[in-house]
Structure formats: C-alpha cells, structure tokens
Amino acid sequence: MSGKVLALGIEGSANKLGIGIVEYDQSTKKYTILSNPRKTYIAPPGQGFLPKETAWHHQAHIVPLAKEALREAGVTPDDINCICFTKGPGMGSPLRSSAICARGLSLCWKKPLVGVNHCVGHIEMGRVLTGAINPVILYVSGGNTQIIAYSQKCYRIFGETIDMAVGNCLDRFARVIGLSNDPSPGYNIEQEARKGGGKMIPLPYVIKGMDVSFSGILTHIEKEAKVHLENGSCSKADLCFSLQETVFAMLVETTERALAHVGSNEVLIVGGVGCNKRLQGMMAQMLKERGGHSFGMDYRYCIDNGAMIAQAGLLAFQNGVETPLKESWCTQRFRTDEVKIIWRDD
C-alpha cells in the first residue's frame, strides 16, 4: 500500500457508541486520528443500562454519528479503505446494532470489513498515543479486568477477575448509594472519594494467585454502607474512598507481579476505569519505585471510542486481514488471547 490508508471504526459494545476515522501516512509512517465523535446512553438514576434500550440508542444515533465522523475528518466514503467494527466482547444487542451498520456501509460503499477485538482496540490505541513499546497492560472497564502482556504474536492474559469487572463493581456501588449515572457512575465515585477526609473502612482484599475477585467486596461494602450511613459514622465519600483504595491496590499488586514475571518496567492502563486519576497515581508511584514508567490516557481515548477500533482494524487490514460478510457476526465472548497479533514483530 502507498499514500494514505484510512479506516472507519465503529464501536458499540456497551453504552457508548463511537465512530472514528484513523489515517496512516505511508511516507511519514504515522497514524493520525481524523475524527472520533461519540454518543453515550445514560440510564435513569439507580439503574444500569439494559441491552434493549442501549441497542435502540445506538440505532437512533449511528447514521448521524457516521455523517459527523466523515464531516469532522473532512473525507468522503470514497476516501475510506476499510470499515472496522467491534466483533466482541460486549453486550449482544448493542454489538449487533453496530455490526449491522458496518455491514450496510461495507455493501453501500463497496469497502472491505475488518472485525476487531474490543480489548485489542484499547491496547493498540494506547500504544500509538503513548509511545509505550512493550508494556504490561492493565485493562480495566465496566465489563473487563485483565493483566496482559505481549508474547509470540499474542496478547497473553496473566491475571483477570474471576467474577465481576472492577468497573461493574464501582458502578453498582454508585447506584447503591444514589450517585448519578451522568456522565458515569465510576467517575462520580472518583469525585465523591476526593471529598472525604481519607477515613479508611476495612474491606476484604481478595487476590487469588494472579487473579482478583470483586463480588465479595461489593457485598461487604453494601452492608457497611447501610450500617454506617444510617448511624452517621461515615460519609458516602469515606465509603467511595475506601472502595477505590482497596480495589486499586489489588490491581496494582497483580500488575507489579506481572512486571516482575515478564521483566518489563512499563505499564499501559486502558479501558474506562483507566481514566481514574487515583488509579493512575497509584500505578505511577509503584513504577517510580521500580524505576519504570506508567502510561495513562485521558477520557477521550480511555473510554470506548470508534478510533480505537479503526486503529486496530487498520493494523490488521495493512497486514492482509479482511472479514468476509458471512463471518461478520459478533459475539459477547471474545477473549483477548484469541487474536493473532500479526502486525507485531518484537
């Protein structure tokens, strides 16, 4: 391939619908994000987002969002070389809504399809934006919690949650104590935790080998919240602070173990929970003590977005990968280590 190669990426695996356009310039060998608009479905207070309502949201916004992405990038469909979409993992109905749009654009514009693993999208976006060479990756979001490192053409999982994702734990506790879903429950927990005086409420600390568990911690703090908030012995801010400190310490500990195992001194944090400044700070402190470096991103690229799908899809497309129409199905379960990372030689 010569000149410029453009990919349009569609992400809709959960409550965020994003469409991004990424360009690769063959002469400079640089990737550039040309556009990355996004729409978020925000559930009513006290509720999580349900598959059906989330899918309706995506269906209502996906065509205007595609037009916005093209307009913002200053390109036309003729300029696009491939259509990339999230193949999984994620919620079934939202995934299908996004995949159907990708198929439609592929047929209308006569462009090849490229199915992308959601987690690999996060990783490749992070590597391009931060310049991280070969980091251990902490992938933390509402649906996933994994400690990952690259080896022999694969992003291998060294540790993960054995029950619920850390983002789901934070989101559910936010709803228990009445925090808003706007812009997200996890963000509001972070803001609430900053209001407290640093009072630490003891919580279970559950690490099993390289894996972590959050369901018992959530059950415990829900009971603690009922008792403490009723008798006034602590505030919502104290509860949020204690939950954050505990679960983030678990994640930093398991990440440090992975660093020691693979001999790396770089950590890249990706996924929606990776926006949390406290998590970034704890990780940075651990890496400073090891003489290493922690890479984090801001909310534009840390949370789900279309550009990350375009980025990973473009890397695959440049290495000859296309997804035939009959194989453009999506799946709720698609593990990170199932993907062959053919574009890396290190």
Protein backbone atom coordinates (compact mmCIF):
# COMPACT_ATOMS: atom_id res chain seq x y z
CA MET A 1 0.00 0.00 0.00
CA SER A 2 1.21 3.52 -0.76
CA GLY A 3 0.00 7.00 0.03
CA LYS A 4 -2.60 7.27 2.77
CA VAL A 5 -4.80 4.49 4.13
CA LEU A 6 -7.98 5.37 6.03
CA ALA A 7 -10.11 3.18 8.29
CA LEU A 8 -13.51 3.95 9.74
CA GLY A 9 -14.15 2.20 13.05
CA ILE A 10 -17.49 1.54 14.74
CA GLU A 11 -17.61 0.78 18.48
CA GLY A 12 -20.88 -0.07 20.21
CA SER A 13 -20.20 -2.93 22.61
CA ALA A 14 -21.79 -1.24 25.63
CA ASN A 15 -23.49 2.09 26.35
CA LYS A 16 -21.05 4.19 24.30
CA LEU A 17 -21.45 4.43 20.55
CA GLY A 18 -18.40 5.78 18.78
CA ILE A 19 -17.31 6.19 15.17
CA GLY A 20 -13.74 7.17 14.44
CA ILE A 21 -11.56 7.63 11.37
CA VAL A 22 -7.83 6.93 11.51
CA GLU A 23 -5.32 7.68 8.75
CA TYR A 24 -1.96 6.04 8.11
CA ASP A 25 0.53 8.08 6.09
CA GLN A 26 2.89 5.76 4.26
CA SER A 27 5.51 8.47 3.75
CA THR A 28 5.78 9.51 7.42
CA LYS A 29 4.70 6.09 8.82
CA LYS A 30 2.43 7.87 11.28
CA TYR A 31 -1.15 7.24 12.35
CA THR A 32 -3.45 10.24 12.79
CA ILE A 33 -6.91 10.34 14.36
CA LEU A 34 -9.01 12.44 12.00
CA SER A 35 -12.30 12.23 13.91
CA ASN A 36 -13.76 10.44 16.92
CA PRO A 37 -17.34 11.53 17.78
CA ARG A 38 -19.28 9.56 20.39
CA LYS A 39 -22.75 9.30 21.93
CA THR A 40 -23.41 7.77 25.34
CA TYR A 41 -26.61 6.16 26.55
CA ILE A 42 -27.15 7.27 30.17
CA ALA A 43 -29.56 5.11 32.13
CA PRO A 44 -32.07 6.61 34.58
CA PRO A 45 -30.79 7.18 38.15
CA GLY A 46 -30.48 4.00 40.17
CA GLN A 47 -30.47 1.75 37.09
CA GLY A 48 -27.87 0.14 34.87
CA PHE A 49 -28.08 0.27 31.09
CA LEU A 50 -30.08 -2.62 29.63
CA PRO A 51 -29.26 -4.30 26.28
CA LYS A 52 -32.54 -3.46 24.54
CA GLU A 53 -32.61 0.24 25.44
CA THR A 54 -28.89 0.56 24.66
CA ALA A 55 -29.39 -1.02 21.23
CA TRP A 56 -32.26 1.40 20.49
CA HIS A 57 -29.95 4.28 21.42
CA HIS A 58 -27.26 3.04 19.05
CA GLN A 59 -29.74 2.51 16.20
CA ALA A 60 -31.07 6.05 16.62
CA HIS A 61 -27.66 7.72 16.60
CA ILE A 62 -25.39 5.61 14.41
CA VAL A 63 -26.18 7.14 11.00
CA PRO A 64 -25.93 10.79 12.16
CA LEU A 65 -22.72 9.87 14.00
CA ALA A 66 -21.20 8.34 10.85
CA LYS A 67 -22.00 11.55 8.94
CA GLU A 68 -20.45 13.60 11.73
CA ALA A 69 -17.28 11.47 11.66
CA LEU A 70 -16.88 11.98 7.90
CA ARG A 71 -17.58 15.70 8.15
CA GLU A 72 -15.17 16.19 11.07
CA ALA A 73 -12.43 14.26 9.24
CA GLY A 74 -13.02 16.16 6.01
CA VAL A 75 -13.26 12.98 3.94
CA THR A 76 -15.84 11.18 1.81
CA PRO A 77 -16.76 7.48 1.67
CA ASP A 78 -14.54 7.18 -1.42
CA ASP A 79 -11.52 8.01 0.75
CA ILE A 80 -12.19 5.17 3.22
CA ASN A 81 -10.26 1.95 2.62
CA CYS A 82 -11.95 -0.35 5.14
CA ILE A 83 -14.82 -0.48 7.62
CA CYS A 84 -13.83 -1.81 11.06
CA PHE A 85 -16.31 -2.91 13.72
CA THR A 86 -16.25 -4.41 17.20
CA LYS A 87 -16.73 -8.16 16.85
CA GLY A 88 -16.74 -8.64 20.62
CA PRO A 89 -16.76 -8.95 23.55
CA GLY A 90 -19.70 -6.90 24.74
CA MET A 91 -23.48 -6.81 25.11
CA GLY A 92 -25.28 -8.78 22.41
CA SER A 93 -27.91 -6.32 21.21
CA PRO A 94 -25.67 -3.23 21.04
CA LEU A 95 -22.94 -5.26 19.31
CA ARG A 96 -25.41 -6.47 16.68
CA SER A 97 -26.72 -2.96 16.04
CA SER A 98 -23.19 -1.73 15.34
CA ALA A 99 -22.25 -4.75 13.23
CA ILE A 100 -25.35 -4.35 11.07
CA CYS A 101 -24.41 -0.75 10.36
CA ALA A 102 -20.85 -1.81 9.48
CA ARG A 103 -22.20 -4.41 7.03
CA GLY A 104 -24.51 -1.85 5.48
CA LEU A 105 -21.72 0.67 4.96
CA SER A 106 -19.47 -2.06 3.57
CA LEU A 107 -22.08 -3.03 0.98
CA CYS A 108 -23.10 0.54 0.10
CA TRP A 109 -19.56 1.87 -0.17
CA LYS A 110 -18.06 -1.38 -1.52
CA LYS A 111 -15.38 -1.43 1.18
CA PRO A 112 -13.93 -4.49 2.97
CA LEU A 113 -14.90 -5.29 6.55
CA VAL A 114 -12.47 -5.91 9.42
CA GLY A 115 -13.74 -7.40 12.70
CA VAL A 116 -11.85 -6.17 15.78
CA ASN A 117 -11.46 -7.50 19.31
CA HIS A 118 -12.57 -4.74 21.70
CA CYS A 119 -9.64 -5.17 24.09
CA VAL A 120 -7.05 -5.26 21.30
CA GLY A 121 -8.56 -1.97 20.11
CA HIS A 122 -7.90 -0.42 23.52
CA ILE A 123 -4.33 -1.74 23.58
CA GLU A 124 -3.33 -0.60 20.09
CA MET A 125 -4.85 2.84 20.61
CA GLY A 126 -2.86 3.15 23.84
CA ARG A 127 0.39 2.04 22.23
CA VAL A 128 0.05 4.56 19.38
CA LEU A 129 -0.95 7.51 21.58
CA THR A 130 1.53 6.98 24.43
CA GLY A 131 4.51 5.51 22.59
CA ALA A 132 4.69 2.59 25.04
CA ILE A 133 6.98 -0.03 23.48
CA ASN A 134 6.22 -3.34 25.17
CA PRO A 135 4.27 -2.62 28.34
CA VAL A 136 2.34 -4.81 30.73
CA ILE A 137 -1.26 -3.75 30.13
CA LEU A 138 -3.85 -3.24 32.82
CA TYR A 139 -7.22 -3.40 31.08
CA VAL A 140 -9.97 -2.18 33.39
CA SER A 141 -13.51 -1.34 32.37
CA GLY A 142 -17.15 -1.98 33.18
CA GLY A 143 -17.03 -5.42 31.57
CA ASN A 144 -13.38 -6.47 31.74
CA THR A 145 -10.46 -6.67 34.15
CA GLN A 146 -7.26 -8.24 32.81
CA ILE A 147 -3.48 -8.01 33.27
CA ILE A 148 -1.93 -8.59 29.84
CA ALA A 149 1.49 -8.82 28.23
CA TYR A 150 2.54 -9.48 24.63
CA SER A 151 4.44 -12.64 23.74
CA GLN A 152 4.87 -14.55 20.49
CA LYS A 153 2.18 -12.86 18.38
CA CYS A 154 -0.40 -12.84 21.16
CA TYR A 155 -1.62 -10.60 23.98
CA ARG A 156 -1.50 -13.11 26.80
CA ILE A 157 -3.61 -12.80 29.95
CA PHE A 158 -1.53 -13.14 33.12
CA GLY A 159 -4.36 -12.40 35.51
CA GLU A 160 -8.01 -11.41 35.46
CA THR A 161 -11.17 -11.12 37.51
CA ILE A 162 -12.79 -14.41 38.42
CA ASP A 163 -16.24 -12.87 38.81
CA MET A 164 -17.19 -9.27 38.03
CA ALA A 165 -15.16 -6.50 36.41
CA VAL A 166 -13.83 -3.71 38.59
CA GLY A 167 -15.85 -1.13 36.65
CA ASN A 168 -19.04 -3.08 37.27
CA CYS A 169 -18.21 -3.21 40.98
CA LEU A 170 -17.76 0.56 41.14
CA ASP A 171 -20.84 1.26 39.03
CA ARG A 172 -23.10 -0.94 41.11
CA PHE A 173 -21.93 0.60 44.37
CA ALA A 174 -22.51 4.07 42.95
CA ARG A 175 -26.13 3.13 42.32
CA VAL A 176 -26.46 1.65 45.83
CA ILE A 177 -25.53 4.98 47.44
CA GLY A 178 -27.55 7.06 44.99
CA LEU A 179 -24.88 8.59 42.77
CA SER A 180 -25.84 9.72 39.27
CA ASN A 181 -25.10 7.81 36.06
CA ASP A 182 -24.16 11.09 34.38
CA PRO A 183 -21.51 11.16 32.99
CA SER A 184 -20.77 7.73 34.53
CA PRO A 185 -21.14 6.10 37.95
CA GLY A 186 -17.42 5.34 38.19
CA TYR A 187 -16.49 8.96 37.52
CA ASN A 188 -18.89 10.11 40.22
CA ILE A 189 -17.37 7.65 42.70
CA GLU A 190 -13.95 9.15 41.94
CA GLN A 191 -15.24 12.68 42.57
CA GLU A 192 -17.04 11.62 45.76
CA ALA A 193 -13.89 9.90 47.10
CA ARG A 194 -12.00 13.20 46.84
CA LYS A 195 -14.47 14.91 49.20
CA GLY A 196 -13.70 12.71 52.20
CA GLY A 197 -11.12 13.09 54.90
CA GLY A 198 -9.36 9.86 54.00
CA LYS A 199 -11.17 7.67 56.53
CA MET A 200 -10.44 4.07 55.60
CA ILE A 201 -13.11 1.45 56.22
CA PRO A 202 -11.61 -2.08 56.27
CA LEU A 203 -12.77 -4.18 53.32
CA PRO A 204 -11.87 -7.68 52.06
CA TYR A 205 -8.73 -7.80 49.92
CA VAL A 206 -9.16 -10.70 47.51
CA ILE A 207 -6.26 -11.85 45.33
CA LYS A 208 -6.05 -15.48 44.27
CA GLY A 209 -2.72 -16.11 42.58
CA MET A 210 -2.68 -13.59 39.74
CA ASP A 211 -6.47 -13.26 39.68
CA VAL A 212 -8.73 -10.87 41.56
CA SER A 213 -12.29 -11.02 42.86
CA PHE A 214 -14.65 -8.11 43.47
CA SER A 215 -18.10 -9.61 44.14
CA GLY A 216 -17.42 -10.29 47.83
CA ILE A 217 -16.00 -6.79 48.31
CA LEU A 218 -19.14 -5.30 46.77
CA THR A 219 -21.42 -7.37 49.01
CA HIS A 220 -19.40 -6.36 52.08
CA ILE A 221 -19.35 -2.63 51.36
CA GLU A 222 -23.05 -2.61 50.54
CA LYS A 223 -23.71 -3.93 54.06
CA GLU A 224 -21.21 -1.46 55.54
CA ALA A 225 -22.89 1.40 53.71
CA LYS A 226 -26.28 0.53 55.15
CA VAL A 227 -24.93 0.45 58.71
CA HIS A 228 -22.59 3.45 58.55
CA LEU A 229 -24.87 5.78 56.63
CA GLU A 230 -27.77 5.05 58.98
CA ASN A 231 -25.80 5.78 62.16
CA GLY A 232 -23.73 8.59 60.62
CA SER A 233 -20.37 7.01 61.47
CA CYS A 234 -19.03 7.72 57.98
CA SER A 235 -19.96 9.51 54.79
CA LYS A 236 -20.52 8.44 51.20
CA ALA A 237 -17.15 9.99 50.45
CA ASP A 238 -15.45 7.73 53.02
CA LEU A 239 -17.09 4.66 51.52
CA CYS A 240 -16.07 5.62 47.97
CA PHE A 241 -12.53 6.37 49.12
CA SER A 242 -12.24 3.01 50.89
CA LEU A 243 -13.60 1.04 47.93
CA GLN A 244 -11.27 2.76 45.45
CA GLU A 245 -8.19 2.32 47.64
CA THR A 246 -8.87 -1.37 48.16
CA VAL A 247 -9.68 -2.48 44.62
CA PHE A 248 -6.97 -0.31 43.04
CA ALA A 249 -4.35 -1.66 45.46
CA MET A 250 -5.29 -5.17 44.33
CA LEU A 251 -4.86 -4.19 40.70
CA VAL A 252 -1.51 -2.50 41.29
CA GLU A 253 -0.22 -5.53 43.20
CA THR A 254 -1.12 -8.04 40.50
CA THR A 255 0.25 -5.74 37.80
CA GLU A 256 3.55 -5.48 39.67
CA ARG A 257 3.76 -9.28 39.79
CA ALA A 258 3.30 -9.42 36.03
CA LEU A 259 6.06 -6.83 35.58
CA ALA A 260 8.45 -8.97 37.59
CA HIS A 261 7.49 -12.07 35.61
CA VAL A 262 7.99 -10.62 32.13
CA GLY A 263 10.90 -8.34 33.03
CA SER A 264 9.19 -5.11 31.96
CA ASN A 265 9.17 -1.68 33.59
CA GLU A 266 6.31 -0.16 31.60
CA VAL A 267 2.59 -0.27 32.36
CA LEU A 268 -0.14 0.90 30.00
CA ILE A 269 -3.58 1.42 31.57
CA VAL A 270 -6.52 1.11 29.18
CA GLY A 271 -10.30 0.87 29.47
CA GLY A 272 -12.84 3.22 31.02
CA VAL A 273 -11.68 2.77 34.63
CA GLY A 274 -8.19 3.69 33.42
CA CYS A 275 -9.36 7.35 33.33
CA ASN A 276 -9.40 7.34 37.14
CA LYS A 277 -6.68 9.70 38.37
CA ARG A 278 -6.27 7.85 41.65
CA LEU A 279 -5.58 4.56 39.86
CA GLN A 280 -3.13 6.31 37.55
CA GLY A 281 -1.41 7.88 40.56
CA MET A 282 -1.09 4.61 42.47
CA MET A 283 0.32 2.87 39.42
CA ALA A 284 2.76 5.71 38.75
CA GLN A 285 4.02 5.55 42.33
CA MET A 286 4.63 1.81 42.07
CA LEU A 287 6.51 2.25 38.78
CA LYS A 288 8.56 5.12 40.20
CA GLU A 289 9.78 2.86 42.99
CA ARG A 290 10.79 0.29 40.36
CA GLY A 291 12.48 2.86 38.14
CA GLY A 292 9.83 2.36 35.48
CA HIS A 293 7.09 4.35 33.78
CA SER A 294 3.31 4.26 33.74
CA PHE A 295 1.31 5.33 30.68
CA GLY A 296 -2.27 6.58 31.00
CA MET A 297 -4.69 8.32 28.67
CA ASP A 298 -7.45 10.88 29.11
CA TYR A 299 -11.15 10.12 28.81
CA ARG A 300 -11.27 10.80 25.04
CA TYR A 301 -9.39 7.60 24.28
CA CYS A 302 -9.51 5.66 27.55
CA ILE A 303 -13.25 5.08 27.41
CA ASP A 304 -14.78 3.19 24.48
CA ASN A 305 -14.42 5.04 21.18
CA GLY A 306 -14.52 4.41 17.44
CA ALA A 307 -10.94 5.48 16.75
CA MET A 308 -9.53 2.58 18.75
CA ILE A 309 -11.47 0.12 16.58
CA ALA A 310 -10.28 1.91 13.46
CA GLN A 311 -6.69 1.80 14.72
CA ALA A 312 -6.61 -1.95 15.47
CA GLY A 313 -8.60 -2.71 12.32
CA LEU A 314 -6.23 -0.65 10.18
CA LEU A 315 -3.22 -2.54 11.56
CA ALA A 316 -4.88 -5.84 10.66
CA PHE A 317 -6.01 -4.56 7.25
CA GLN A 318 -2.49 -3.42 6.38
CA ASN A 319 -1.38 -6.99 7.05
CA GLY A 320 -3.93 -8.58 4.74
CA VAL A 321 -6.79 -9.25 7.18
CA GLU A 322 -10.37 -8.85 5.98
CA THR A 323 -13.60 -10.24 7.40
CA PRO A 324 -15.89 -11.86 4.81
CA LEU A 325 -19.54 -10.80 5.06
CA LYS A 326 -20.61 -14.31 6.10
CA GLU A 327 -18.16 -14.16 9.02
CA SER A 328 -19.11 -10.66 10.18
CA TRP A 329 -21.09 -11.98 13.13
CA CYS A 330 -20.33 -10.65 16.61
CA THR A 331 -20.02 -12.43 19.94
CA GLN A 332 -20.43 -11.49 23.57
CA ARG A 333 -17.37 -13.58 24.47
CA PHE A 334 -14.15 -12.96 22.57
CA ARG A 335 -11.03 -13.31 24.67
CA THR A 336 -8.03 -11.05 24.18
CA ASP A 337 -5.68 -14.00 23.77
CA GLU A 338 -7.70 -15.46 20.88
CA VAL A 339 -6.39 -12.81 18.45
CA LYS A 340 -3.25 -13.39 16.40
CA ILE A 341 -1.25 -10.13 16.57
CA ILE A 342 0.32 -10.47 13.12
CA TRP A 343 1.41 -6.82 12.87
CA ARG A 344 3.98 -7.05 15.69
CA ASP A 345 7.46 -8.50 15.15
CA ASP A 346 9.04 -7.74 18.54
